Every structure is written in structure tokens, then in C-alpha cells.
Amino acid sequence: MKEQINEEIILAISAAIAALEVRPGYKLVVKSFRRIPQTSPVWSATGKIERLKRRM
């Protein structure tokens, strides 16, 4: 059974990605999306996110 993703979630993700791109004349178009299964523990994923935030 396919799980439906709320349209508001898709719009929020698209807006977040678009906010990262600030090059003039660049247009972002999201044509598709899919869920990627989580293969690592939650604590590992959280650590990766925290490290990425520190680099920004």
C-alpha cells in the first residue's frame, strides 16, 4: 500500500530547497519525490544533521 504524502509537506520541502538556492536566474522545479528508507538509527541521523548545521 502506497503512503500518501500531504501536499503541504511537499510545498514546505520545496520552499526550503528553493530558499537554499540564491543564484540569479536560477529556477528550481521539483518534478518528483520519494521517501528513502531510514537504514541508520535515529541517533546517527541526528548526529549527521547536527554536524551539517555546525558547518553552515
N, C-alpha and C. Protein backbone atom coordinates (compact mmCIF):
# COMPACT_ATOMS: atom_id res chain seq x y z
N MET A 1 0.84 -1.18 0.00
CA MET A 1 0.00 0.00 0.00
C MET A 1 0.88 1.24 0.00
N LYS A 2 0.63 2.13 -0.94
CA LYS A 2 1.41 3.36 -1.03
C LYS A 2 0.91 4.36 0.00
N GLU A 3 1.84 5.00 0.65
CA GLU A 3 1.50 6.00 1.65
C GLU A 3 1.45 7.36 0.96
N GLN A 4 0.38 8.10 1.19
CA GLN A 4 0.22 9.43 0.61
C GLN A 4 0.95 10.46 1.46
N ILE A 5 1.62 11.41 0.80
CA ILE A 5 2.29 12.49 1.50
C ILE A 5 1.45 13.75 1.32
N ASN A 6 1.20 14.42 2.41
CA ASN A 6 0.39 15.62 2.42
C ASN A 6 1.00 16.67 1.50
N GLU A 7 0.16 17.33 0.71
CA GLU A 7 0.62 18.36 -0.23
C GLU A 7 1.33 19.51 0.48
N GLU A 8 0.89 19.84 1.69
CA GLU A 8 1.54 20.92 2.44
C GLU A 8 2.97 20.57 2.80
N ILE A 9 3.22 19.30 3.09
CA ILE A 9 4.59 18.86 3.40
C ILE A 9 5.47 19.01 2.16
N ILE A 10 4.95 18.62 1.02
CA ILE A 10 5.71 18.74 -0.24
C ILE A 10 6.03 20.20 -0.52
N LEU A 11 5.06 21.08 -0.32
CA LEU A 11 5.29 22.51 -0.55
C LEU A 11 6.34 23.07 0.42
N ALA A 12 6.29 22.65 1.67
CA ALA A 12 7.26 23.14 2.66
C ALA A 12 8.67 22.67 2.30
N ILE A 13 8.81 21.42 1.89
CA ILE A 13 10.13 20.91 1.49
C ILE A 13 10.63 21.64 0.26
N SER A 14 9.77 21.85 -0.72
CA SER A 14 10.15 22.57 -1.93
C SER A 14 10.59 24.00 -1.62
N ALA A 15 9.87 24.66 -0.72
CA ALA A 15 10.22 26.03 -0.35
C ALA A 15 11.57 26.08 0.37
N ALA A 16 11.83 25.09 1.22
CA ALA A 16 13.10 25.05 1.93
C ALA A 16 14.26 24.85 0.96
N ILE A 17 14.08 23.99 -0.01
CA ILE A 17 15.14 23.76 -1.01
C ILE A 17 15.34 25.02 -1.85
N ALA A 18 14.24 25.65 -2.25
CA ALA A 18 14.34 26.87 -3.05
C ALA A 18 15.04 27.98 -2.29
N ALA A 19 14.85 28.06 -0.99
CA ALA A 19 15.48 29.09 -0.18
C ALA A 19 17.00 28.92 -0.14
N LEU A 20 17.48 27.71 -0.33
CA LEU A 20 18.91 27.46 -0.31
C LEU A 20 19.59 27.94 -1.59
N GLU A 21 18.87 27.95 -2.68
CA GLU A 21 19.43 28.39 -3.95
C GLU A 21 19.22 29.88 -4.14
N VAL A 22 20.29 30.64 -4.23
CA VAL A 22 20.16 32.09 -4.36
C VAL A 22 20.83 32.63 -5.62
N ARG A 23 21.17 31.75 -6.55
CA ARG A 23 21.81 32.21 -7.78
C ARG A 23 20.80 32.97 -8.65
N PRO A 24 21.19 34.12 -9.16
CA PRO A 24 20.28 34.88 -10.03
C PRO A 24 19.97 34.10 -11.31
N GLY A 25 18.74 34.15 -11.73
CA GLY A 25 18.33 33.49 -12.96
C GLY A 25 18.14 31.99 -12.83
N TYR A 26 18.24 31.46 -11.62
CA TYR A 26 18.10 30.03 -11.40
C TYR A 26 16.67 29.75 -10.97
N LYS A 27 16.05 28.78 -11.62
CA LYS A 27 14.68 28.43 -11.27
C LYS A 27 14.64 26.97 -10.85
N LEU A 28 14.11 26.71 -9.68
CA LEU A 28 14.01 25.36 -9.15
C LEU A 28 12.63 24.79 -9.45
N VAL A 29 12.60 23.59 -10.00
CA VAL A 29 11.35 22.90 -10.27
C VAL A 29 11.46 21.50 -9.69
N VAL A 30 10.58 21.16 -8.76
CA VAL A 30 10.55 19.82 -8.20
C VAL A 30 9.61 18.99 -9.07
N LYS A 31 10.17 17.99 -9.74
CA LYS A 31 9.37 17.16 -10.65
C LYS A 31 8.89 15.87 -10.00
N SER A 32 9.63 15.41 -9.02
CA SER A 32 9.20 14.18 -8.35
C SER A 32 9.86 14.11 -6.97
N PHE A 33 9.37 13.20 -6.17
CA PHE A 33 9.93 12.99 -4.85
C PHE A 33 9.62 11.55 -4.45
N ARG A 34 10.40 11.04 -3.53
CA ARG A 34 10.13 9.71 -3.00
C ARG A 34 10.75 9.59 -1.63
N ARG A 35 10.20 8.75 -0.81
CA ARG A 35 10.75 8.51 0.52
C ARG A 35 11.94 7.58 0.39
N ILE A 36 12.95 7.84 1.18
CA ILE A 36 14.11 6.98 1.23
C ILE A 36 14.08 6.27 2.57
N PRO A 37 14.14 4.95 2.56
CA PRO A 37 14.06 4.24 3.85
C PRO A 37 15.23 4.60 4.76
N GLN A 38 14.94 4.72 6.03
CA GLN A 38 15.97 5.05 7.01
C GLN A 38 16.70 3.77 7.38
N THR A 39 17.99 3.70 7.02
CA THR A 39 18.76 2.48 7.27
C THR A 39 19.65 2.61 8.50
N SER A 40 19.80 3.83 9.00
CA SER A 40 20.65 4.02 10.18
C SER A 40 19.76 4.40 11.37
N PRO A 41 20.26 4.19 12.58
CA PRO A 41 19.47 4.56 13.76
C PRO A 41 19.20 6.07 13.82
N VAL A 42 18.15 6.45 14.50
CA VAL A 42 17.76 7.86 14.61
C VAL A 42 18.89 8.69 15.21
N TRP A 43 19.58 8.16 16.22
CA TRP A 43 20.65 8.93 16.86
C TRP A 43 21.77 9.23 15.88
N SER A 44 22.01 8.32 14.94
CA SER A 44 23.05 8.53 13.93
C SER A 44 22.65 9.64 12.96
N ALA A 45 21.41 9.59 12.51
CA ALA A 45 20.90 10.62 11.60
C ALA A 45 20.91 11.99 12.27
N THR A 46 20.55 12.04 13.55
CA THR A 46 20.55 13.30 14.29
C THR A 46 21.96 13.87 14.38
N GLY A 47 22.94 13.01 14.63
CA GLY A 47 24.34 13.46 14.68
C GLY A 47 24.80 14.04 13.36
N LYS A 48 24.40 13.42 12.25
CA LYS A 48 24.77 13.93 10.92
C LYS A 48 24.18 15.31 10.69
N ILE A 49 22.93 15.48 11.07
CA ILE A 49 22.26 16.78 10.90
C ILE A 49 22.94 17.85 11.74
N GLU A 50 23.29 17.50 12.97
CA GLU A 50 23.97 18.47 13.84
C GLU A 50 25.32 18.88 13.27
N ARG A 51 26.08 17.94 12.72
CA ARG A 51 27.37 18.27 12.12
C ARG A 51 27.20 19.18 10.91
N LEU A 52 26.17 18.93 10.09
CA LEU A 52 25.91 19.78 8.94
C LEU A 52 25.53 21.20 9.37
N LYS A 53 24.75 21.33 10.42
CA LYS A 53 24.36 22.65 10.91
C LYS A 53 25.56 23.44 11.40
N ARG A 54 26.53 22.76 12.01
CA ARG A 54 27.72 23.46 12.51
C ARG A 54 28.57 24.01 11.37
N ARG A 55 28.54 23.36 10.22
CA ARG A 55 29.32 23.80 9.07
C ARG A 55 28.73 25.04 8.40
N MET A 56 27.45 25.27 8.58
CA MET A 56 26.78 26.38 7.89
C MET A 56 27.06 27.70 8.56
